[in-house]
């Protein structure tokens, strides 16, 4: 197996990966704030983390992943109040929606999804430690972390603490602070918070955003673990603050490797509701694109590179997702051919040396790509090189039924890490019947029976199946 390497934001270097416990990886993932439906930009992060998790498992590691759910902050409180709902009832709606979207996108479930409201005692205990060690101060009932007490602050983001100014966004919630650089650990109750508060040794109030991740990571992974992930927007201030409060509170190193994904942009612009380019998974699937297509597109570029979605369904612009659907269509057609040929395999049949070598090289290429900081382009390149070479062998008649079974098995095995190979079950779509009709149509065209050929095309069109003729053959897609 090639050496597994990741780009570590903490060192700004691609490093060999060595887990603290051989064969086991403990990983913390910043999850959603459950105040609304997650947009597809959010899912770029969760899909990168899913690819990371699947790659580690594919390479033989046992993975323990924790993803937090932020269910108490200004947004969740204000929105629940606007709906005249309790905080728990309001956030439960979006927790359920989030898990539905995860399942639709084939994102493997983490081992633990701790909700912030269920772990306030752990947060209070960590804050108590920080108070005891002299890293905090109180102002108007709120407790703040004093950044000047941690000399290493800014190492992750390459921002010097003494260069921070009032114009820098430090926290969404501003209270009376000694220094603009400091951040809230515990927020004193205000009338605007309504019924959302906890009576604790720290007073009446609620935890700050940053403290929840430190407390829950320690609860489920220990105070020192392997990997912490998130989007580049989390680097500062959130992850920087996590490091400060965790190192100061527990007296240990926090996470060894920090991996961050770049943003998804839409038509070259940041996604926002004001620009009208804010899309949830539900928006995109309602426009006719399957979650599998969305998954493929969001995984199609390296996680550290910005990804541009060319998409405006109101103007009929769906270029990016069309390309993803086309790529998956080629893969599906290839697998249908493999399945048809593979049915003729018999016990005792031998696999050809050419296909055996082809599969060995393909596996080597895919693993080498993923081990190189999750080079998904290289991994998908291995998939489609196999498709190209496989189609060549099929066309020349050199692929045996046993070969076809072996190639199909390899693709199914790869789906354990990529999650895009298996097509979605579509009610009423019989791929084998469609392929048989396409063959009949091709025979009719060769016999110059154009009436029958057109009849088959129209029959399939009525069923929502569109045929696309090309020099390399006829492809079909479900509209």
Protein backbone atom coordinates (compact mmCIF):
# COMPACT_ATOMS: atom_id res chain seq x y z
CA UNK A 1 0.00 0.00 0.00
CA UNK A 2 1.35 3.48 -0.82
CA UNK A 3 2.05 5.91 2.02
CA UNK A 4 -1.10 7.77 3.06
CA UNK A 5 -0.52 11.53 2.97
CA UNK A 6 -2.72 14.52 3.85
CA UNK A 7 -2.25 18.27 3.57
CA UNK A 8 -2.19 19.52 7.16
CA UNK A 9 -3.44 23.09 7.54
CA UNK A 10 -1.60 23.30 10.86
CA UNK A 11 1.81 22.87 9.20
CA UNK A 12 0.91 24.00 5.66
CA UNK A 13 2.52 20.79 4.45
CA UNK A 14 1.51 17.47 2.93
CA UNK A 15 2.48 14.95 5.60
CA UNK A 16 2.61 11.19 6.01
CA UNK A 17 -0.33 10.07 8.12
CA UNK A 18 0.40 8.23 11.35
CA UNK A 19 -2.56 7.67 13.69
CA UNK A 20 -2.04 7.78 17.43
CA UNK A 21 -3.29 4.20 17.72
CA UNK A 22 -2.08 1.93 14.90
CA UNK A 23 -4.98 0.79 12.73
CA UNK A 24 -7.49 3.21 14.28
CA UNK A 25 -8.43 6.76 13.28
CA UNK A 26 -10.35 9.13 15.54
CA UNK A 27 -11.86 12.02 13.59
CA UNK A 28 -13.94 15.06 14.54
CA UNK A 29 -16.10 16.78 11.93
CA UNK A 30 -17.78 20.16 12.30
CA UNK A 31 -21.44 19.51 11.53
CA UNK A 32 -24.43 21.73 10.72
CA UNK A 33 -26.26 24.37 12.69
CA UNK A 34 -29.76 22.96 12.46
CA UNK A 35 -31.74 26.15 11.89
CA UNK A 36 -32.63 25.48 8.23
CA UNK A 37 -32.09 23.02 5.39
CA UNK A 38 -28.40 22.56 4.58
CA UNK A 39 -27.42 23.90 1.13
CA UNK A 40 -25.35 21.96 -1.37
CA UNK A 41 -22.26 23.99 -0.47
CA UNK A 42 -22.51 22.54 3.04
CA UNK A 43 -22.67 19.08 1.53
CA UNK A 44 -19.42 19.62 -0.31
CA UNK A 45 -17.78 19.57 3.13
CA UNK A 46 -19.72 16.54 4.31
CA UNK A 47 -18.95 14.64 1.10
CA UNK A 48 -15.24 15.41 1.37
CA UNK A 49 -15.38 14.04 4.90
CA UNK A 50 -17.31 11.02 3.67
CA UNK A 51 -14.63 10.34 1.06
CA UNK A 52 -11.98 10.66 3.77
CA UNK A 53 -13.84 8.24 6.03
CA UNK A 54 -14.46 5.73 3.23
CA UNK A 55 -10.83 5.93 2.07
CA UNK A 56 -9.53 5.23 5.55
CA UNK A 57 -11.84 2.23 5.87
CA UNK A 58 -10.94 1.00 2.37
CA UNK A 59 -7.29 1.08 3.38
CA UNK A 60 -8.02 -1.02 6.44
CA UNK A 61 -8.39 1.50 9.26
CA UNK A 62 -11.07 1.39 11.92
CA UNK A 63 -12.69 4.83 11.95
CA UNK A 64 -14.38 6.53 14.89
CA UNK A 65 -16.02 9.70 13.58
CA UNK A 66 -17.87 12.33 15.58
CA UNK A 67 -19.95 15.06 13.92
CA UNK A 68 -21.56 17.68 16.14
CA UNK A 69 -25.01 19.19 15.67
CA UNK A 70 -25.26 22.82 16.77
CA UNK A 71 -28.80 23.18 18.07
CA UNK A 72 -28.44 26.29 20.22
CA UNK A 73 -27.16 29.66 19.01
CA UNK A 74 -28.62 33.03 18.06
CA UNK A 75 -30.14 31.75 14.80
CA UNK A 76 -31.82 28.68 16.23
CA UNK A 77 -33.20 30.69 19.15
CA UNK A 78 -34.57 33.55 17.02
CA UNK A 79 -36.05 31.28 14.37
CA UNK A 80 -37.73 29.00 16.90
CA UNK A 81 -39.23 32.05 18.59
CA UNK A 82 -40.50 33.36 15.24
CA UNK A 83 -42.31 30.04 14.74
CA UNK A 84 -43.59 29.99 18.34
CA UNK A 85 -41.89 26.63 18.84
CA UNK A 86 -39.61 25.30 21.52
CA UNK A 87 -35.94 25.18 20.55
CA UNK A 88 -35.94 21.37 20.72
CA UNK A 89 -39.03 20.97 18.52
CA UNK A 90 -37.79 23.50 15.98
CA UNK A 91 -34.30 22.04 15.59
CA UNK A 92 -35.68 18.48 15.47
CA UNK A 93 -37.24 19.31 12.09
CA UNK A 94 -33.89 20.22 10.57
CA UNK A 95 -31.99 17.43 12.28
CA UNK A 96 -34.31 14.95 10.60
CA UNK A 97 -34.00 16.75 7.24
CA UNK A 98 -30.21 16.69 7.54
CA UNK A 99 -30.13 12.93 8.07
CA UNK A 100 -32.51 12.43 5.15
CA UNK A 101 -30.12 14.38 2.93
CA UNK A 102 -27.13 12.41 4.21
CA UNK A 103 -28.85 9.16 3.28
CA UNK A 104 -29.91 10.47 -0.13
CA UNK A 105 -26.31 11.46 -0.90
CA UNK A 106 -25.00 8.08 0.32
CA UNK A 107 -22.97 9.72 3.06
CA UNK A 108 -22.01 7.11 5.62
CA UNK A 109 -23.22 7.81 9.13
CA UNK A 110 -20.66 8.88 11.71
CA UNK A 111 -20.43 6.84 14.90
CA UNK A 112 -21.75 9.71 17.03
CA UNK A 113 -23.81 12.85 16.32
CA UNK A 114 -23.74 14.73 19.64
CA UNK A 115 -26.13 17.66 19.96
CA UNK A 116 -24.86 20.71 21.81
CA UNK A 117 -27.92 20.92 24.08
CA UNK A 118 -27.26 17.39 25.35
CA UNK A 119 -23.69 18.19 26.43
CA UNK A 120 -23.89 21.42 28.40
CA UNK A 121 -22.44 19.77 31.56
CA UNK A 122 -19.27 18.83 29.63
CA UNK A 123 -18.98 22.41 28.38
CA UNK A 124 -19.46 23.83 31.87
CA UNK A 125 -16.72 21.53 33.18
CA UNK A 126 -14.26 22.64 30.47
CA UNK A 127 -15.03 26.29 31.17
CA UNK A 128 -14.47 25.62 34.89
CA UNK A 129 -11.03 24.24 34.03
CA UNK A 130 -10.19 27.34 31.98
CA UNK A 131 -11.35 29.64 34.79
CA UNK A 132 -9.26 27.69 37.29
CA UNK A 133 -6.15 27.98 35.11
CA UNK A 134 -6.51 31.72 34.63
CA UNK A 135 -7.44 31.86 30.94
CA UNK A 136 -10.77 33.67 31.40
CA UNK A 137 -12.48 36.74 32.80
CA UNK A 138 -16.09 37.69 33.48
CA UNK A 139 -17.99 40.67 32.14
CA UNK A 140 -21.69 41.31 32.77
CA UNK A 141 -22.23 37.68 33.71
CA UNK A 142 -20.59 36.28 30.57
CA UNK A 143 -17.26 34.45 30.60
CA UNK A 144 -14.61 35.12 27.97
CA UNK A 145 -11.43 33.41 26.90
CA UNK A 146 -8.46 35.77 27.10
CA UNK A 147 -6.51 35.16 23.88
CA UNK A 148 -3.42 36.88 25.26
CA UNK A 149 -3.11 33.98 27.73
CA UNK A 150 -2.33 31.56 24.89
CA UNK A 151 0.88 32.56 23.04
CA UNK A 152 0.32 30.02 20.24
CA UNK A 153 -2.98 31.59 19.18
CA UNK A 154 -3.07 32.09 15.40
CA UNK A 155 -0.79 29.20 14.44
CA UNK A 156 -3.50 27.36 12.48
CA UNK A 157 -4.73 30.40 10.56
CA UNK A 158 -1.36 32.16 10.31
CA UNK A 159 -2.91 35.19 11.97
CA UNK A 160 -0.96 36.92 14.71
CA UNK A 161 -3.14 37.59 17.73
CA UNK A 162 -1.69 41.07 18.18
CA UNK A 163 -2.71 41.99 14.63
CA UNK A 164 -6.41 41.33 15.16
CA UNK A 165 -8.49 44.49 14.99
CA UNK A 166 -12.05 45.46 15.74
CA UNK A 167 -13.04 45.05 12.11
CA UNK A 168 -12.30 41.34 12.16
CA UNK A 169 -15.28 39.03 12.58
CA UNK A 170 -14.56 37.15 15.80
CA UNK A 171 -17.97 36.02 17.02
CA UNK A 172 -21.55 36.41 15.89
CA UNK A 173 -22.55 37.32 19.46
CA UNK A 174 -20.92 40.46 20.86
CA UNK A 175 -20.95 41.23 24.57
CA UNK A 176 -18.81 43.52 26.73
CA UNK A 177 -15.24 42.29 26.29
CA UNK A 178 -11.87 43.54 27.47
CA UNK A 179 -10.40 42.93 24.04
CA UNK A 180 -12.06 42.48 20.64
CA UNK A 181 -9.86 39.43 20.11
CA UNK A 182 -11.43 37.51 22.99
CA UNK A 183 -14.39 35.18 22.52
CA UNK A 184 -17.31 34.06 24.65
CA UNK A 185 -17.23 30.72 26.46
CA UNK A 186 -20.44 31.29 28.42
CA UNK A 187 -23.11 33.85 27.51
CA UNK A 188 -25.23 35.35 30.24
CA UNK A 189 -28.98 35.11 29.73
CA UNK A 190 -30.72 38.10 28.16
CA UNK A 191 -34.48 38.62 27.74
CA UNK A 192 -34.08 37.99 24.00
CA UNK A 193 -33.09 34.39 24.81
CA UNK A 194 -36.54 33.69 26.22
CA UNK A 195 -36.79 30.21 27.71
CA UNK A 196 -33.43 29.08 26.35
CA UNK A 197 -30.97 28.98 29.23
CA UNK A 198 -29.26 26.66 31.72
CA UNK A 199 -28.88 27.28 35.45
CA UNK A 200 -25.30 26.22 36.21
CA UNK A 201 -22.41 27.00 38.51
CA UNK A 202 -21.39 29.54 35.86
CA UNK A 203 -24.70 31.36 36.19
CA UNK A 204 -27.87 31.51 34.12
CA UNK A 205 -27.07 31.41 30.42
CA UNK A 206 -25.92 29.25 27.54
CA UNK A 207 -22.62 28.05 26.07
CA UNK A 208 -20.75 29.83 23.30
CA UNK A 209 -20.39 28.20 19.90
CA UNK A 210 -16.69 27.35 20.05
CA UNK A 211 -16.73 25.55 23.40
CA UNK A 212 -19.19 22.89 22.24
CA UNK A 213 -16.76 21.29 19.78
CA UNK A 214 -13.90 21.13 22.26
CA UNK A 215 -16.11 19.58 24.94
CA UNK A 216 -17.79 17.03 22.68
CA UNK A 217 -14.58 16.03 20.93
CA UNK A 218 -13.01 15.32 24.32
CA UNK A 219 -16.11 13.42 25.45
CA UNK A 220 -16.10 10.97 22.54
CA UNK A 221 -12.55 10.98 21.14
CA UNK A 222 -10.37 11.99 24.06
CA UNK A 223 -8.46 15.23 24.49
CA UNK A 224 -5.89 14.31 21.82
CA UNK A 225 -7.01 12.67 18.57
CA UNK A 226 -6.02 12.22 14.95
CA UNK A 227 -8.00 14.33 12.46
CA UNK A 228 -10.19 17.43 12.63
CA UNK A 229 -12.05 18.52 9.49
CA UNK A 230 -14.19 21.41 8.31
CA UNK A 231 -14.54 24.09 5.68
CA UNK A 232 -11.92 26.78 5.12
CA UNK A 233 -14.33 29.27 6.69
CA UNK A 234 -13.99 27.36 9.98
CA UNK A 235 -10.21 27.87 10.22
CA UNK A 236 -10.63 31.31 11.78
CA UNK A 237 -12.02 31.95 14.25
CA UNK A 238 -13.75 28.65 15.09
CA UNK A 239 -10.93 26.12 14.79
CA UNK A 240 -8.38 28.56 16.12
CA UNK A 241 -10.56 29.05 19.19
CA UNK A 242 -11.10 25.31 19.59
CA UNK A 243 -7.35 24.77 19.76
CA UNK A 244 -6.87 27.56 22.31
CA UNK A 245 -9.55 26.42 24.74
CA UNK A 246 -8.74 22.69 24.36
CA UNK A 247 -4.97 23.00 24.80
CA UNK A 248 -5.36 25.41 27.71
CA UNK A 249 -8.16 23.45 29.34
CA UNK A 250 -6.83 19.92 29.02
CA UNK A 251 -3.08 20.53 28.84
CA UNK A 252 -2.61 18.28 25.79
CA UNK A 253 -2.27 18.70 22.07
CA UNK A 254 -5.69 18.78 20.37
CA UNK A 255 -5.82 17.31 16.83
CA UNK A 256 -2.72 16.18 14.93
CA UNK A 257 -4.03 16.74 11.39
CA UNK A 258 -6.34 19.53 10.24
CA UNK A 259 -8.02 19.06 6.84
CA UNK A 260 -10.13 21.81 5.28
CA UNK A 261 -12.20 21.87 2.11
CA UNK A 262 -12.54 24.87 -0.20
CA UNK A 263 -15.86 26.52 -1.03
CA UNK A 264 -18.46 25.66 -3.62
CA UNK A 265 -19.33 28.72 -5.72
CA UNK A 266 -22.26 29.09 -8.10
CA UNK A 267 -21.57 30.62 -11.50
CA UNK A 268 -18.38 32.08 -10.05
CA UNK A 269 -20.12 33.78 -7.12
CA UNK A 270 -20.56 32.95 -3.46
CA UNK A 271 -23.82 31.17 -2.77
CA UNK A 272 -26.34 33.46 -1.06
CA UNK A 273 -30.09 33.89 -0.85
CA UNK A 274 -29.81 37.56 -1.86
CA UNK A 275 -28.20 36.58 -5.18
CA UNK A 276 -30.84 33.96 -5.85
CA UNK A 277 -28.23 31.21 -6.20
CA UNK A 278 -28.85 29.41 -2.91
CA UNK A 279 -29.78 25.77 -3.51
CA UNK A 280 -30.65 22.96 -1.15
CA UNK A 281 -30.49 19.31 -2.18
CA UNK A 282 -34.27 19.40 -2.42
CA UNK A 283 -34.09 22.30 -4.88
CA UNK A 284 -31.70 20.42 -7.16
CA UNK A 285 -33.54 17.10 -7.06
CA UNK A 286 -36.81 18.92 -7.80
CA UNK A 287 -35.12 20.19 -10.98
CA UNK A 288 -34.63 16.60 -12.13
CA UNK A 289 -31.14 15.74 -10.89
CA UNK A 290 -30.68 12.71 -8.68
CA UNK A 291 -28.73 12.82 -5.39
CA UNK A 292 -26.24 10.45 -7.05
CA UNK A 293 -25.53 13.07 -9.73
CA UNK A 294 -25.10 15.74 -7.04
CA UNK A 295 -22.73 13.46 -5.11
CA UNK A 296 -20.64 12.81 -8.22
CA UNK A 297 -20.38 16.52 -9.05
CA UNK A 298 -19.46 17.59 -5.51
CA UNK A 299 -16.75 14.91 -5.39
CA UNK A 300 -15.41 15.61 -8.88
CA UNK A 301 -12.74 18.15 -7.88
CA UNK A 302 -10.04 17.93 -5.23
CA UNK A 303 -11.37 19.00 -1.85
CA UNK A 304 -8.82 21.81 -1.45
CA UNK A 305 -9.74 23.38 -4.81
CA UNK A 306 -12.76 25.70 -5.14
CA UNK A 307 -15.55 24.07 -7.14
CA UNK A 308 -17.74 26.12 -9.49
CA UNK A 309 -21.30 24.98 -10.09
CA UNK A 310 -22.53 26.31 -13.44
CA UNK A 311 -26.22 26.21 -12.70
CA UNK A 312 -29.25 28.44 -13.19
CA UNK A 313 -32.31 26.27 -13.76
CA UNK A 314 -34.53 29.31 -14.38
CA UNK A 315 -32.41 30.09 -17.44
CA UNK A 316 -32.04 26.46 -18.45
CA UNK A 317 -28.35 26.44 -17.47
CA UNK A 318 -27.48 23.09 -15.88
CA UNK A 319 -24.07 22.48 -17.43
CA UNK A 320 -22.22 21.09 -14.40
CA UNK A 321 -24.86 18.58 -13.36
CA UNK A 322 -25.50 17.59 -16.98
CA UNK A 323 -21.82 16.67 -17.30
CA UNK A 324 -21.97 14.64 -14.08
CA UNK A 325 -25.09 12.82 -15.27
CA UNK A 326 -23.44 12.09 -18.61
CA UNK A 327 -20.37 10.60 -16.92
CA UNK A 328 -22.53 8.36 -14.76
CA UNK A 329 -24.53 7.38 -17.84
CA UNK A 330 -21.36 6.06 -19.49
CA UNK A 331 -20.57 4.08 -16.38
CA UNK A 332 -24.09 2.65 -16.19
CA UNK A 333 -24.09 1.59 -19.85
CA UNK A 334 -20.78 -0.19 -19.38
CA UNK A 335 -22.07 -2.07 -16.35
CA UNK A 336 -25.21 -3.18 -18.20
CA UNK A 337 -23.00 -4.70 -20.89
CA UNK A 338 -20.86 -6.40 -18.25
CA UNK A 339 -23.94 -7.82 -16.55
CA UNK A 340 -25.33 -9.21 -19.80
CA UNK A 341 -22.04 -10.87 -20.72
CA UNK A 342 -21.40 -12.05 -17.18
CA UNK A 343 -24.60 -14.10 -17.16
CA UNK A 344 -22.92 -16.53 -19.54
CA UNK A 345 -20.06 -17.29 -17.16
CA UNK A 346 -19.77 -20.84 -15.89
CA UNK A 347 -18.04 -22.51 -12.97
CA UNK A 348 -14.43 -23.27 -13.77
CA UNK A 349 -14.06 -20.53 -16.39
CA UNK A 350 -10.73 -18.71 -16.11
CA UNK A 351 -10.11 -14.98 -16.09
CA UNK A 352 -7.91 -13.77 -18.94
CA UNK A 353 -4.41 -12.52 -18.16
CA UNK A 354 -5.12 -9.21 -19.94
CA UNK A 355 -8.14 -8.42 -17.78
CA UNK A 356 -6.35 -9.59 -14.63
CA UNK A 357 -3.47 -7.20 -15.35
CA UNK A 358 -5.91 -4.42 -16.25
CA UNK A 359 -7.69 -4.77 -12.91
CA UNK A 360 -4.45 -4.90 -10.93
CA UNK A 361 -3.21 -1.69 -12.56
CA UNK A 362 -6.56 0.01 -12.06
CA UNK A 363 -6.62 -0.88 -8.35
CA UNK A 364 -3.07 0.37 -7.94
CA UNK A 365 -3.93 3.66 -9.66
CA UNK A 366 -7.08 4.23 -7.60
CA UNK A 367 -5.41 3.50 -4.26
CA UNK A 368 -2.35 5.61 -5.11
CA UNK A 369 -4.59 8.55 -6.00
CA UNK A 370 -6.69 8.38 -2.84
CA UNK A 371 -3.61 7.91 -0.65
CA UNK A 372 -2.22 11.14 -2.12
CA UNK A 373 -4.35 13.60 -0.12
CA UNK A 374 -7.61 12.21 -1.54
CA UNK A 375 -6.81 12.88 -5.20
CA UNK A 376 -10.34 12.12 -6.35
CA UNK A 377 -9.62 13.19 -9.94
CA UNK A 378 -6.99 10.47 -10.15
CA UNK A 379 -9.38 7.97 -8.58
CA UNK A 380 -12.17 8.78 -11.02
CA UNK A 381 -9.58 8.67 -13.79
CA UNK A 382 -8.84 5.08 -12.79
CA UNK A 383 -12.55 4.27 -13.00
CA UNK A 384 -13.03 5.69 -16.48
CA UNK A 385 -9.77 4.25 -17.78
CA UNK A 386 -11.18 0.87 -16.79
CA UNK A 387 -14.45 1.73 -18.55
CA UNK A 388 -12.58 2.75 -21.72
CA UNK A 389 -10.38 -0.34 -21.81
CA UNK A 390 -13.29 -2.56 -20.89
CA UNK A 391 -15.41 -1.18 -23.72
CA UNK A 392 -12.52 -1.83 -26.12
CA UNK A 393 -12.33 -5.47 -25.04
CA UNK A 394 -16.10 -5.83 -25.25
CA UNK A 395 -16.20 -4.36 -28.75
CA UNK A 396 -13.42 -6.65 -29.98
CA UNK A 397 -14.95 -9.73 -28.38
CA UNK A 398 -11.84 -10.29 -26.25
CA UNK A 399 -13.64 -10.05 -22.92
CA UNK A 400 -14.94 -13.36 -21.60
CA UNK A 401 -18.01 -13.78 -19.37
CA UNK A 402 -15.71 -14.48 -16.42
CA UNK A 403 -13.76 -11.31 -17.22
CA UNK A 404 -17.02 -9.34 -17.22
CA UNK A 405 -17.93 -10.65 -13.77
CA UNK A 406 -14.47 -9.73 -12.45
CA UNK A 407 -14.64 -6.18 -13.83
CA UNK A 408 -18.13 -5.68 -12.42
CA UNK A 409 -16.98 -6.99 -9.04
CA UNK A 410 -14.09 -4.51 -9.07
CA UNK A 411 -16.43 -1.59 -9.76
CA UNK A 412 -18.73 -2.70 -6.97
CA UNK A 413 -15.76 -2.90 -4.62
CA UNK A 414 -14.72 0.62 -5.59
CA UNK A 415 -18.20 1.83 -4.73
CA UNK A 416 -17.30 1.22 -1.09
CA UNK A 417 -15.03 4.25 -1.32
CA UNK A 418 -16.59 6.38 -4.08
CA UNK A 419 -20.29 5.80 -3.52
CA UNK A 420 -21.27 6.69 -7.09
CA UNK A 421 -21.01 3.39 -8.99
CA UNK A 422 -24.32 1.78 -8.11
CA UNK A 423 -27.27 3.41 -9.92
CA UNK A 424 -30.30 4.54 -7.99
CA UNK A 425 -33.28 2.24 -8.17
CA UNK A 426 -35.79 3.82 -10.52
CA UNK A 427 -39.31 2.48 -10.41
CA UNK A 428 -40.45 1.21 -13.78
CA UNK A 429 -37.03 1.40 -15.46
CA UNK A 430 -35.78 -1.93 -16.82
CA UNK A 431 -32.26 -1.28 -18.10
CA UNK A 432 -31.92 -4.71 -19.69
CA UNK A 433 -35.18 -4.30 -21.62
CA UNK A 434 -34.08 -0.87 -22.82
CA UNK A 435 -30.75 -2.25 -24.02
CA UNK A 436 -32.57 -5.06 -25.85
CA UNK A 437 -34.82 -2.54 -27.61
CA UNK A 438 -31.77 -0.47 -28.57
CA UNK A 439 -30.17 -3.55 -30.11
CA UNK A 440 -33.39 -4.28 -32.01
CA UNK A 441 -33.48 -0.68 -33.21
CA UNK A 442 -29.87 -0.87 -34.39
CA UNK A 443 -30.63 -4.07 -36.31
CA UNK A 444 -33.68 -2.40 -37.88
CA UNK A 445 -31.57 0.56 -39.00
CA UNK A 446 -28.96 -1.74 -40.52
CA UNK A 447 -31.76 -3.50 -42.41
CA UNK A 448 -33.05 -0.07 -43.51
CA UNK A 449 -36.30 -0.70 -41.63
CA UNK A 450 -36.44 2.90 -40.49
CA UNK A 451 -40.13 2.74 -39.63
CA UNK A 452 -39.47 0.11 -36.95
CA UNK A 453 -36.39 1.97 -35.72
CA UNK A 454 -38.41 5.16 -35.30
CA UNK A 455 -41.24 3.24 -33.65
CA UNK A 456 -38.83 1.95 -30.99
CA UNK A 457 -37.43 5.45 -30.39
CA UNK A 458 -40.94 6.87 -29.96
CA UNK A 459 -41.96 4.00 -27.68
CA UNK A 460 -39.02 4.67 -25.39
CA UNK A 461 -39.60 8.42 -25.52
CA UNK A 462 -43.15 7.91 -24.25
CA UNK A 463 -41.61 6.04 -21.31
CA UNK A 464 -39.31 8.97 -20.58
CA UNK A 465 -36.24 7.34 -22.13
CA UNK A 466 -34.24 9.56 -24.50
CA UNK A 467 -31.86 7.96 -27.01
CA UNK A 468 -28.63 9.66 -28.07
CA UNK A 469 -26.89 8.30 -31.17
CA UNK A 470 -23.15 8.83 -31.59
CA UNK A 471 -20.30 7.31 -33.64
CA UNK A 472 -19.49 5.05 -30.68
CA UNK A 473 -23.03 3.75 -30.25
CA UNK A 474 -26.42 4.61 -28.79
CA UNK A 475 -26.79 5.85 -25.24
CA UNK A 476 -29.95 6.42 -23.25
CA UNK A 477 -31.01 8.43 -20.25
CA UNK A 478 -34.10 8.75 -18.11
CA UNK A 479 -35.73 12.16 -18.34
